[in-house]
């Protein structure tokens, strides 16, 4: 098996043009090279905010703009976010979210009293079952902390770059292994 260096070189050159920043708004971004996750951190008043983000972990068919049927290749990629907001007393609000290309959607939330958590904590009802006013206030709560639709857009761009970077690194490792004597 022979991997072509020209493909790797072209991918790496094209990739350099799209280098993401390690900062988004007030968040510091840790790209965690070689990992499927990234971490964003920031302070907000007396809160420590940490957002753990997966690479793309799912897809759904993209809606067709003209109202027709979407092509099988037209998909919206999904990213999972785990938002941890901690206060000085050790309590943590954990919010599970989906990041679609242009929107953050809250899925579940629960409070932990400290770092230790039972295997299956009570997470309350599904978010969609909550009163509409409560849902809106929780979105406002996240928005004030910089967890919003602009972050979803940034994460999709960042993860496209990370996916390509990780693929190139993987290809280089495979090539090196195969060519090693």
N, C-alpha and C. Protein backbone atom coordinates (compact mmCIF):
# COMPACT_ATOMS: atom_id res chain seq x y z
N UNK A 1 0.86 -1.18 0.00
CA UNK A 1 0.00 0.00 0.00
C UNK A 1 0.90 1.23 0.00
N UNK A 2 0.64 2.13 -0.90
CA UNK A 2 1.46 3.34 -1.03
C UNK A 2 0.55 4.55 -0.85
N UNK A 3 0.82 5.35 0.18
CA UNK A 3 0.10 6.59 0.37
C UNK A 3 0.86 7.69 -0.34
N UNK A 4 0.13 8.52 -1.04
CA UNK A 4 0.78 9.59 -1.81
C UNK A 4 1.03 10.80 -0.94
N UNK A 5 2.29 11.20 -0.89
CA UNK A 5 2.67 12.38 -0.10
C UNK A 5 2.03 13.63 -0.64
N UNK A 6 1.79 13.68 -1.95
CA UNK A 6 1.20 14.88 -2.54
C UNK A 6 -0.18 15.16 -1.96
N UNK A 7 -0.95 14.10 -1.67
CA UNK A 7 -2.27 14.31 -1.08
C UNK A 7 -2.15 14.91 0.32
N UNK A 8 -1.22 14.39 1.10
CA UNK A 8 -1.01 14.93 2.44
C UNK A 8 -0.53 16.37 2.38
N UNK A 9 0.41 16.66 1.49
CA UNK A 9 0.95 18.01 1.36
C UNK A 9 -0.14 18.99 0.96
N UNK A 10 -0.95 18.63 -0.02
CA UNK A 10 -2.02 19.52 -0.45
C UNK A 10 -3.00 19.76 0.69
N UNK A 11 -3.40 18.69 1.39
CA UNK A 11 -4.33 18.84 2.50
C UNK A 11 -3.75 19.74 3.58
N UNK A 12 -2.47 19.57 3.89
CA UNK A 12 -1.86 20.39 4.94
C UNK A 12 -1.76 21.84 4.50
N UNK A 13 -1.39 22.10 3.25
CA UNK A 13 -1.29 23.48 2.76
C UNK A 13 -2.65 24.16 2.79
N UNK A 14 -3.68 23.47 2.30
CA UNK A 14 -5.02 24.04 2.30
C UNK A 14 -5.50 24.27 3.72
N UNK A 15 -5.12 23.38 4.63
CA UNK A 15 -5.55 23.46 6.01
C UNK A 15 -4.95 24.66 6.74
N UNK A 16 -3.75 25.04 6.40
CA UNK A 16 -3.09 26.17 7.07
C UNK A 16 -3.86 27.47 6.87
N UNK A 17 -4.58 27.56 5.79
CA UNK A 17 -5.34 28.77 5.52
C UNK A 17 -6.52 28.93 6.47
N UNK A 18 -6.97 27.83 7.08
CA UNK A 18 -8.17 27.84 7.89
C UNK A 18 -7.90 27.67 9.38
N UNK A 19 -6.70 27.98 9.84
CA UNK A 19 -6.35 27.78 11.25
C UNK A 19 -7.34 28.50 12.16
N UNK A 20 -8.02 27.75 13.03
CA UNK A 20 -8.94 28.41 13.97
C UNK A 20 -8.16 29.06 15.10
N UNK A 21 -8.79 30.01 15.74
CA UNK A 21 -8.15 30.68 16.86
C UNK A 21 -8.36 29.85 18.12
N UNK A 22 -7.54 30.09 19.13
CA UNK A 22 -7.70 29.38 20.39
C UNK A 22 -8.53 30.21 21.37
N UNK A 23 -9.30 31.14 20.82
CA UNK A 23 -10.15 32.00 21.62
C UNK A 23 -11.44 32.27 20.85
N UNK A 24 -12.55 32.24 21.55
CA UNK A 24 -13.83 32.65 20.97
C UNK A 24 -14.52 33.51 22.01
N UNK A 25 -14.66 34.78 21.69
CA UNK A 25 -15.22 35.71 22.67
C UNK A 25 -14.38 35.67 23.93
N UNK A 26 -15.00 35.42 25.07
CA UNK A 26 -14.29 35.31 26.35
C UNK A 26 -13.80 33.90 26.64
N UNK A 27 -14.09 32.96 25.76
CA UNK A 27 -13.69 31.57 25.97
C UNK A 27 -12.27 31.33 25.49
N UNK A 28 -11.49 30.59 26.27
CA UNK A 28 -10.22 30.04 25.82
C UNK A 28 -10.52 28.64 25.31
N UNK A 29 -9.95 28.29 24.16
CA UNK A 29 -10.25 27.02 23.51
C UNK A 29 -9.02 26.12 23.58
N UNK A 30 -9.21 24.92 24.11
CA UNK A 30 -8.16 23.90 24.13
C UNK A 30 -8.57 22.84 23.11
N UNK A 31 -7.85 22.81 21.98
CA UNK A 31 -8.19 21.90 20.88
C UNK A 31 -7.88 20.45 21.13
N UNK A 32 -7.15 20.13 22.19
CA UNK A 32 -6.83 18.76 22.58
C UNK A 32 -6.41 17.91 21.38
N UNK A 33 -5.25 18.21 20.79
CA UNK A 33 -4.78 17.45 19.62
C UNK A 33 -4.79 15.95 19.87
N UNK A 34 -5.24 15.20 18.87
CA UNK A 34 -5.30 13.75 18.97
C UNK A 34 -6.53 13.24 19.70
N UNK A 35 -7.40 14.12 20.13
CA UNK A 35 -8.59 13.76 20.90
C UNK A 35 -9.84 14.11 20.10
N UNK A 36 -10.94 13.47 20.40
CA UNK A 36 -12.21 13.76 19.73
C UNK A 36 -12.97 14.90 20.40
N UNK A 37 -12.43 15.46 21.47
CA UNK A 37 -13.09 16.51 22.22
C UNK A 37 -12.25 17.78 22.22
N UNK A 38 -12.91 18.91 22.43
CA UNK A 38 -12.22 20.16 22.74
C UNK A 38 -12.87 20.70 24.02
N UNK A 39 -12.17 21.63 24.66
CA UNK A 39 -12.70 22.23 25.88
C UNK A 39 -12.64 23.75 25.74
N UNK A 40 -13.71 24.41 26.13
CA UNK A 40 -13.74 25.87 26.20
C UNK A 40 -13.94 26.25 27.66
N UNK A 41 -13.21 27.29 28.10
CA UNK A 41 -13.34 27.73 29.49
C UNK A 41 -13.41 29.25 29.55
N UNK A 42 -14.14 29.72 30.57
CA UNK A 42 -14.20 31.16 30.84
C UNK A 42 -14.75 31.41 32.22
N UNK A 43 -14.55 32.61 32.70
CA UNK A 43 -15.13 33.08 33.95
C UNK A 43 -16.31 33.98 33.60
N UNK A 44 -17.34 33.94 34.41
CA UNK A 44 -18.47 34.85 34.26
C UNK A 44 -18.93 35.19 35.67
N UNK A 45 -18.68 36.41 36.09
CA UNK A 45 -18.98 36.83 37.47
C UNK A 45 -18.30 35.85 38.43
N UNK A 46 -19.06 35.19 39.30
CA UNK A 46 -18.48 34.24 40.26
C UNK A 46 -18.58 32.79 39.76
N UNK A 47 -18.77 32.61 38.47
CA UNK A 47 -18.94 31.27 37.90
C UNK A 47 -17.74 30.86 37.06
N UNK A 48 -17.41 29.58 37.13
CA UNK A 48 -16.46 28.97 36.22
C UNK A 48 -17.28 28.19 35.19
N UNK A 49 -17.03 28.49 33.93
CA UNK A 49 -17.78 27.81 32.87
C UNK A 49 -16.81 26.96 32.06
N UNK A 50 -17.17 25.70 31.92
CA UNK A 50 -16.39 24.77 31.11
C UNK A 50 -17.36 24.08 30.15
N UNK A 51 -16.99 24.10 28.87
CA UNK A 51 -17.82 23.47 27.84
C UNK A 51 -16.98 22.38 27.17
N UNK A 52 -17.42 21.14 27.29
CA UNK A 52 -16.78 20.01 26.62
C UNK A 52 -17.55 19.78 25.33
N UNK A 53 -16.82 19.67 24.22
CA UNK A 53 -17.45 19.61 22.90
C UNK A 53 -16.90 18.43 22.12
N UNK A 54 -17.79 17.60 21.54
CA UNK A 54 -17.35 16.48 20.71
C UNK A 54 -17.05 16.97 19.31
N UNK A 55 -16.32 16.13 18.57
CA UNK A 55 -16.27 16.32 17.13
C UNK A 55 -17.67 15.94 16.63
N UNK A 56 -17.90 16.01 15.33
CA UNK A 56 -19.22 15.68 14.80
C UNK A 56 -19.60 14.28 15.25
N UNK A 57 -20.79 14.14 15.83
CA UNK A 57 -21.21 12.84 16.34
C UNK A 57 -22.56 12.39 15.82
N UNK A 58 -23.02 13.03 14.77
CA UNK A 58 -24.28 12.62 14.17
C UNK A 58 -24.66 13.57 13.05
N UNK A 59 -25.70 13.19 12.34
CA UNK A 59 -26.18 14.01 11.23
C UNK A 59 -27.64 13.71 10.98
N UNK A 60 -28.33 14.68 10.44
CA UNK A 60 -29.70 14.50 9.99
C UNK A 60 -29.80 15.09 8.60
N UNK A 61 -30.77 14.63 7.80
CA UNK A 61 -30.93 15.21 6.47
C UNK A 61 -31.20 16.71 6.57
N UNK A 62 -30.54 17.47 5.72
CA UNK A 62 -30.74 18.92 5.71
C UNK A 62 -32.04 19.24 4.99
N UNK A 63 -32.79 20.21 5.51
CA UNK A 63 -34.01 20.59 4.80
C UNK A 63 -33.66 21.24 3.47
N UNK A 64 -34.44 20.98 2.47
CA UNK A 64 -34.23 21.54 1.14
C UNK A 64 -34.83 22.94 1.13
N UNK A 65 -34.06 23.91 0.69
CA UNK A 65 -34.50 25.31 0.68
C UNK A 65 -35.74 25.51 -0.18
N UNK A 66 -35.84 24.80 -1.29
CA UNK A 66 -36.97 24.98 -2.20
C UNK A 66 -38.19 24.17 -1.78
N UNK A 67 -38.09 23.46 -0.65
CA UNK A 67 -39.22 22.68 -0.18
C UNK A 67 -39.25 21.27 -0.76
N UNK A 68 -38.30 20.94 -1.63
CA UNK A 68 -38.23 19.60 -2.22
C UNK A 68 -37.55 18.63 -1.27
N UNK A 69 -37.26 17.46 -1.79
CA UNK A 69 -36.59 16.42 -1.00
C UNK A 69 -35.09 16.67 -1.01
N UNK A 70 -34.45 16.52 0.13
CA UNK A 70 -33.01 16.74 0.24
C UNK A 70 -32.24 15.60 -0.40
N UNK A 71 -31.12 15.92 -0.99
CA UNK A 71 -30.19 14.95 -1.54
C UNK A 71 -29.62 14.14 -0.38
N UNK A 72 -29.31 12.87 -0.60
CA UNK A 72 -28.76 12.02 0.46
C UNK A 72 -27.45 12.57 1.01
N UNK A 73 -26.72 13.35 0.21
CA UNK A 73 -25.46 13.92 0.66
C UNK A 73 -25.64 15.23 1.43
N UNK A 74 -26.84 15.80 1.40
CA UNK A 74 -27.11 17.05 2.10
C UNK A 74 -27.51 16.74 3.54
N UNK A 75 -26.59 16.96 4.47
CA UNK A 75 -26.86 16.66 5.87
C UNK A 75 -26.46 17.84 6.74
N UNK A 76 -27.09 17.93 7.90
CA UNK A 76 -26.68 18.88 8.93
C UNK A 76 -25.92 18.07 9.97
N UNK A 77 -24.69 18.48 10.25
CA UNK A 77 -23.88 17.76 11.22
C UNK A 77 -24.21 18.21 12.63
N UNK A 78 -24.13 17.26 13.56
CA UNK A 78 -24.48 17.48 14.96
C UNK A 78 -23.23 17.41 15.83
N UNK A 79 -23.17 18.27 16.83
CA UNK A 79 -22.11 18.29 17.82
C UNK A 79 -22.78 18.30 19.19
N UNK A 80 -22.23 17.51 20.13
CA UNK A 80 -22.74 17.50 21.50
C UNK A 80 -21.90 18.43 22.37
N UNK A 81 -22.56 19.21 23.20
CA UNK A 81 -21.90 20.09 24.17
C UNK A 81 -22.34 19.67 25.57
N UNK A 82 -21.38 19.63 26.48
CA UNK A 82 -21.69 19.44 27.89
C UNK A 82 -21.20 20.69 28.59
N UNK A 83 -22.15 21.49 29.04
CA UNK A 83 -21.84 22.78 29.68
C UNK A 83 -21.86 22.58 31.19
N UNK A 84 -20.75 22.89 31.85
CA UNK A 84 -20.67 22.83 33.31
C UNK A 84 -20.46 24.25 33.83
N UNK A 85 -21.39 24.70 34.66
CA UNK A 85 -21.29 26.02 35.28
C UNK A 85 -21.20 25.78 36.78
N UNK A 86 -20.03 26.15 37.35
CA UNK A 86 -19.84 25.89 38.78
C UNK A 86 -19.75 27.20 39.54
N UNK A 87 -20.21 27.13 40.77
CA UNK A 87 -20.15 28.27 41.68
C UNK A 87 -19.15 27.93 42.78
N UNK A 88 -18.79 28.91 43.57
CA UNK A 88 -17.79 28.74 44.62
C UNK A 88 -18.12 27.67 45.65
N UNK A 89 -19.40 27.36 45.84
CA UNK A 89 -19.78 26.38 46.85
C UNK A 89 -19.61 24.93 46.39
N UNK A 90 -19.14 24.75 45.16
CA UNK A 90 -18.93 23.39 44.65
C UNK A 90 -20.08 22.83 43.86
N UNK A 91 -21.23 23.53 43.85
CA UNK A 91 -22.35 23.02 43.07
C UNK A 91 -22.11 23.29 41.58
N UNK A 92 -22.63 22.39 40.75
CA UNK A 92 -22.42 22.47 39.31
C UNK A 92 -23.76 22.29 38.60
N UNK A 93 -24.06 23.20 37.70
CA UNK A 93 -25.20 23.05 36.80
C UNK A 93 -24.64 22.45 35.52
N UNK A 94 -25.12 21.26 35.15
CA UNK A 94 -24.65 20.61 33.93
C UNK A 94 -25.79 20.61 32.92
N UNK A 95 -25.49 21.14 31.74
CA UNK A 95 -26.51 21.28 30.69
C UNK A 95 -26.01 20.54 29.46
N UNK A 96 -26.78 19.57 29.00
CA UNK A 96 -26.46 18.83 27.78
C UNK A 96 -27.14 19.56 26.62
N UNK A 97 -26.35 19.89 25.59
CA UNK A 97 -26.87 20.64 24.46
C UNK A 97 -26.47 19.97 23.14
N UNK A 98 -27.21 20.29 22.12
CA UNK A 98 -26.85 19.95 20.75
C UNK A 98 -26.47 21.24 20.06
N UNK A 99 -25.41 21.17 19.26
CA UNK A 99 -25.03 22.32 18.44
C UNK A 99 -25.26 21.93 16.99
N UNK A 100 -26.22 22.57 16.37
CA UNK A 100 -26.47 22.39 14.95
C UNK A 100 -25.72 23.51 14.24
N UNK A 101 -25.65 23.53 12.93
CA UNK A 101 -24.82 24.53 12.24
C UNK A 101 -25.10 25.98 12.62
N UNK A 102 -26.31 26.28 13.07
CA UNK A 102 -26.62 27.67 13.38
C UNK A 102 -27.42 27.85 14.67
N UNK A 103 -27.44 26.81 15.52
CA UNK A 103 -28.25 26.93 16.74
C UNK A 103 -27.77 25.97 17.83
N UNK A 104 -27.90 26.44 19.07
CA UNK A 104 -27.69 25.61 20.26
C UNK A 104 -29.07 25.19 20.74
N UNK A 105 -29.24 23.91 21.04
CA UNK A 105 -30.51 23.39 21.52
C UNK A 105 -30.24 22.66 22.84
N UNK A 106 -30.94 23.08 23.91
CA UNK A 106 -30.80 22.44 25.21
C UNK A 106 -31.57 21.12 25.19
N UNK A 107 -30.93 20.06 25.71
CA UNK A 107 -31.58 18.75 25.77
C UNK A 107 -31.98 18.37 27.19
N UNK A 108 -31.06 18.51 28.15
CA UNK A 108 -31.30 18.12 29.54
C UNK A 108 -30.45 19.00 30.45
N UNK A 109 -30.82 19.08 31.71
CA UNK A 109 -29.98 19.76 32.68
C UNK A 109 -30.22 19.18 34.06
N UNK A 110 -29.19 19.26 34.88
CA UNK A 110 -29.31 18.83 36.26
C UNK A 110 -28.27 19.53 37.11
N UNK A 111 -28.45 19.47 38.42
CA UNK A 111 -27.53 20.07 39.38
C UNK A 111 -26.79 18.95 40.10
N UNK A 112 -25.47 19.13 40.22
CA UNK A 112 -24.66 18.23 41.04
C UNK A 112 -24.21 19.03 42.26
N UNK A 113 -24.21 18.39 43.40
CA UNK A 113 -23.81 19.08 44.63
C UNK A 113 -22.30 19.26 44.69
N UNK A 114 -21.56 18.39 44.05
CA UNK A 114 -20.10 18.49 44.04
C UNK A 114 -19.57 17.68 42.86
N UNK A 115 -18.27 17.46 42.81
CA UNK A 115 -17.66 16.74 41.69
C UNK A 115 -18.14 15.29 41.60
N UNK A 116 -18.51 14.70 42.72
CA UNK A 116 -18.97 13.31 42.71
C UNK A 116 -20.41 13.27 42.24
N UNK A 117 -20.70 12.30 41.41
CA UNK A 117 -22.05 12.21 40.86
C UNK A 117 -22.45 10.75 40.83
N UNK A 118 -23.69 10.48 41.13
CA UNK A 118 -24.18 9.11 41.02
C UNK A 118 -24.16 8.69 39.56
N UNK A 119 -24.19 7.40 39.32
CA UNK A 119 -24.12 6.87 37.95
C UNK A 119 -25.28 7.38 37.10
N UNK A 120 -26.44 7.49 37.66
CA UNK A 120 -27.62 7.96 36.93
C UNK A 120 -28.33 9.05 37.74
N UNK A 121 -27.83 10.28 37.72
CA UNK A 121 -28.48 11.34 38.50
C UNK A 121 -29.85 11.67 37.92
N UNK A 122 -30.75 12.11 38.80
CA UNK A 122 -32.05 12.54 38.32
C UNK A 122 -31.86 13.83 37.55
N UNK A 123 -32.22 13.82 36.27
CA UNK A 123 -31.99 14.98 35.40
C UNK A 123 -33.27 15.74 35.11
N UNK A 124 -34.31 15.48 35.87
CA UNK A 124 -35.55 16.19 35.63
C UNK A 124 -36.20 15.73 34.34
N UNK A 125 -37.24 16.41 33.92
CA UNK A 125 -37.93 16.03 32.68
C UNK A 125 -37.11 16.43 31.46
N UNK A 126 -37.49 15.90 30.30
CA UNK A 126 -36.88 16.38 29.06
C UNK A 126 -37.11 17.88 28.98
N UNK A 127 -36.12 18.56 28.44
CA UNK A 127 -36.18 20.02 28.38
C UNK A 127 -37.46 20.50 27.68
N UNK A 128 -37.83 19.81 26.60
CA UNK A 128 -39.01 20.22 25.82
C UNK A 128 -40.31 20.15 26.62
N UNK A 129 -40.31 19.39 27.73
CA UNK A 129 -41.50 19.25 28.56
C UNK A 129 -41.67 20.41 29.55
N UNK A 130 -40.61 21.22 29.71
CA UNK A 130 -40.69 22.34 30.64
C UNK A 130 -41.57 23.45 30.07
N UNK A 131 -42.08 24.27 30.96
CA UNK A 131 -42.89 25.43 30.59
C UNK A 131 -42.10 26.31 29.61
N UNK A 132 -42.78 26.85 28.60
CA UNK A 132 -42.12 27.66 27.57
C UNK A 132 -41.35 28.84 28.16
N UNK A 133 -41.91 29.50 29.16
CA UNK A 133 -41.23 30.65 29.78
C UNK A 133 -39.94 30.20 30.48
N UNK A 134 -39.97 29.03 31.13
CA UNK A 134 -38.78 28.50 31.78
C UNK A 134 -37.72 28.13 30.73
N UNK A 135 -38.16 27.51 29.65
CA UNK A 135 -37.22 27.19 28.57
C UNK A 135 -36.54 28.45 28.06
N UNK A 136 -37.32 29.48 27.80
CA UNK A 136 -36.78 30.75 27.28
C UNK A 136 -35.80 31.37 28.27
N UNK A 137 -36.12 31.31 29.56
CA UNK A 137 -35.20 31.90 30.56
C UNK A 137 -33.89 31.11 30.64
N UNK A 138 -33.92 29.80 30.42
CA UNK A 138 -32.69 29.01 30.42
C UNK A 138 -31.84 29.32 29.18
N UNK A 139 -32.48 29.55 28.03
CA UNK A 139 -31.72 29.98 26.85
C UNK A 139 -31.10 31.36 27.09
N UNK A 140 -31.85 32.26 27.74
CA UNK A 140 -31.31 33.59 28.07
C UNK A 140 -30.12 33.47 29.03
N UNK A 141 -30.23 32.56 30.01
CA UNK A 141 -29.15 32.29 30.96
C UNK A 141 -27.88 31.88 30.22
N UNK A 142 -27.99 30.95 29.27
CA UNK A 142 -26.83 30.52 28.48
C UNK A 142 -26.32 31.64 27.58
N UNK A 143 -27.22 32.36 26.96
CA UNK A 143 -26.84 33.47 26.07
C UNK A 143 -25.98 34.49 26.81
N UNK A 144 -26.36 34.82 28.03
CA UNK A 144 -25.59 35.79 28.82
C UNK A 144 -24.17 35.29 29.09
N UNK A 145 -23.97 33.99 29.05
CA UNK A 145 -22.66 33.39 29.31
C UNK A 145 -21.90 33.04 28.03
N UNK A 146 -22.43 33.49 26.89
CA UNK A 146 -21.74 33.29 25.62
C UNK A 146 -22.01 31.96 24.95
N UNK A 147 -22.98 31.23 25.44
CA UNK A 147 -23.34 29.94 24.84
C UNK A 147 -24.60 30.19 24.01
N UNK A 148 -24.36 30.40 22.71
CA UNK A 148 -25.42 30.88 21.84
C UNK A 148 -25.22 30.38 20.41
N UNK A 149 -26.03 30.88 19.51
CA UNK A 149 -25.98 30.45 18.11
C UNK A 149 -24.66 30.82 17.44
N UNK A 150 -24.04 31.94 17.83
CA UNK A 150 -22.73 32.30 17.28
C UNK A 150 -21.68 31.26 17.68
N UNK A 151 -21.78 30.74 18.91
CA UNK A 151 -20.87 29.69 19.35
C UNK A 151 -21.09 28.43 18.51
N UNK A 152 -22.34 28.10 18.21
CA UNK A 152 -22.64 26.92 17.38
C UNK A 152 -21.95 27.05 16.02
N UNK A 153 -22.05 28.23 15.41
CA UNK A 153 -21.41 28.46 14.11
C UNK A 153 -19.90 28.30 14.22
N UNK A 154 -19.31 28.90 15.27
CA UNK A 154 -17.87 28.80 15.48
C UNK A 154 -17.45 27.34 15.66
N UNK A 155 -18.19 26.60 16.49
CA UNK A 155 -17.83 25.21 16.75
C UNK A 155 -17.89 24.35 15.49
N UNK A 156 -18.86 24.60 14.64
CA UNK A 156 -18.93 23.83 13.39
C UNK A 156 -17.73 24.12 12.51
N UNK A 157 -17.30 25.37 12.43
CA UNK A 157 -16.10 25.69 11.65
C UNK A 157 -14.86 25.08 12.30
N UNK A 158 -14.77 25.22 13.61
CA UNK A 158 -13.62 24.69 14.34
C UNK A 158 -13.53 23.17 14.14
N UNK A 159 -14.65 22.48 14.27
CA UNK A 159 -14.63 21.02 14.18
C UNK A 159 -14.36 20.54 12.75
N UNK A 160 -14.78 21.30 11.75
CA UNK A 160 -14.41 20.94 10.37
C UNK A 160 -12.90 20.97 10.24
N UNK A 161 -12.27 22.00 10.79
CA UNK A 161 -10.82 22.11 10.76
C UNK A 161 -10.18 20.99 11.57
N UNK A 162 -10.69 20.74 12.77
CA UNK A 162 -10.13 19.70 13.63
C UNK A 162 -10.26 18.34 12.96
N UNK A 163 -11.39 18.07 12.35
CA UNK A 163 -11.58 16.79 11.69
C UNK A 163 -10.53 16.59 10.60
N UNK A 164 -10.30 17.63 9.82
CA UNK A 164 -9.31 17.54 8.74
C UNK A 164 -7.90 17.39 9.32
N UNK A 165 -7.58 18.16 10.35
CA UNK A 165 -6.26 18.08 10.98
C UNK A 165 -6.02 16.70 11.58
N UNK A 166 -7.02 16.16 12.27
CA UNK A 166 -6.87 14.83 12.86
C UNK A 166 -6.72 13.76 11.78
N UNK A 167 -7.46 13.90 10.67
CA UNK A 167 -7.34 12.96 9.56
C UNK A 167 -5.94 12.99 8.97
N UNK A 168 -5.39 14.18 8.78
CA UNK A 168 -4.04 14.30 8.23
C UNK A 168 -3.02 13.66 9.18
N UNK A 169 -3.16 13.92 10.48
CA UNK A 169 -2.26 13.32 11.46
C UNK A 169 -2.36 11.80 11.44
N UNK A 170 -3.56 11.31 11.35
CA UNK A 170 -3.79 9.86 11.29
C UNK A 170 -3.16 9.28 10.02
N UNK A 171 -3.37 9.95 8.88
CA UNK A 171 -2.80 9.46 7.62
C UNK A 171 -1.27 9.43 7.70
N UNK A 172 -0.68 10.46 8.32
CA UNK A 172 0.78 10.49 8.46
C UNK A 172 1.28 9.34 9.32
N UNK A 173 0.56 9.03 10.41
CA UNK A 173 0.96 7.92 11.29
C UNK A 173 0.85 6.58 10.55
N UNK A 174 -0.24 6.40 9.81
CA UNK A 174 -0.41 5.16 9.06
C UNK A 174 0.68 5.04 8.01
N UNK A 175 0.93 6.12 7.28
CA UNK A 175 1.97 6.12 6.25
C UNK A 175 3.33 5.77 6.86
N UNK A 176 3.65 6.41 7.98
CA UNK A 176 4.92 6.16 8.64
C UNK A 176 5.04 4.70 9.08
N UNK A 177 3.97 4.15 9.61
CA UNK A 177 3.98 2.76 10.06
C UNK A 177 4.19 1.82 8.88
N UNK A 178 3.48 2.04 7.80
CA UNK A 178 3.56 1.17 6.63
C UNK A 178 4.93 1.23 5.99
N UNK A 179 5.50 2.42 5.93
CA UNK A 179 6.78 2.60 5.25
C UNK A 179 7.97 2.23 6.15
N UNK A 180 7.74 2.05 7.44
CA UNK A 180 8.82 1.71 8.36
C UNK A 180 9.35 0.31 8.04
N UNK A 181 10.65 0.17 8.08
CA UNK A 181 11.27 -1.13 7.75
C UNK A 181 11.79 -1.79 8.98
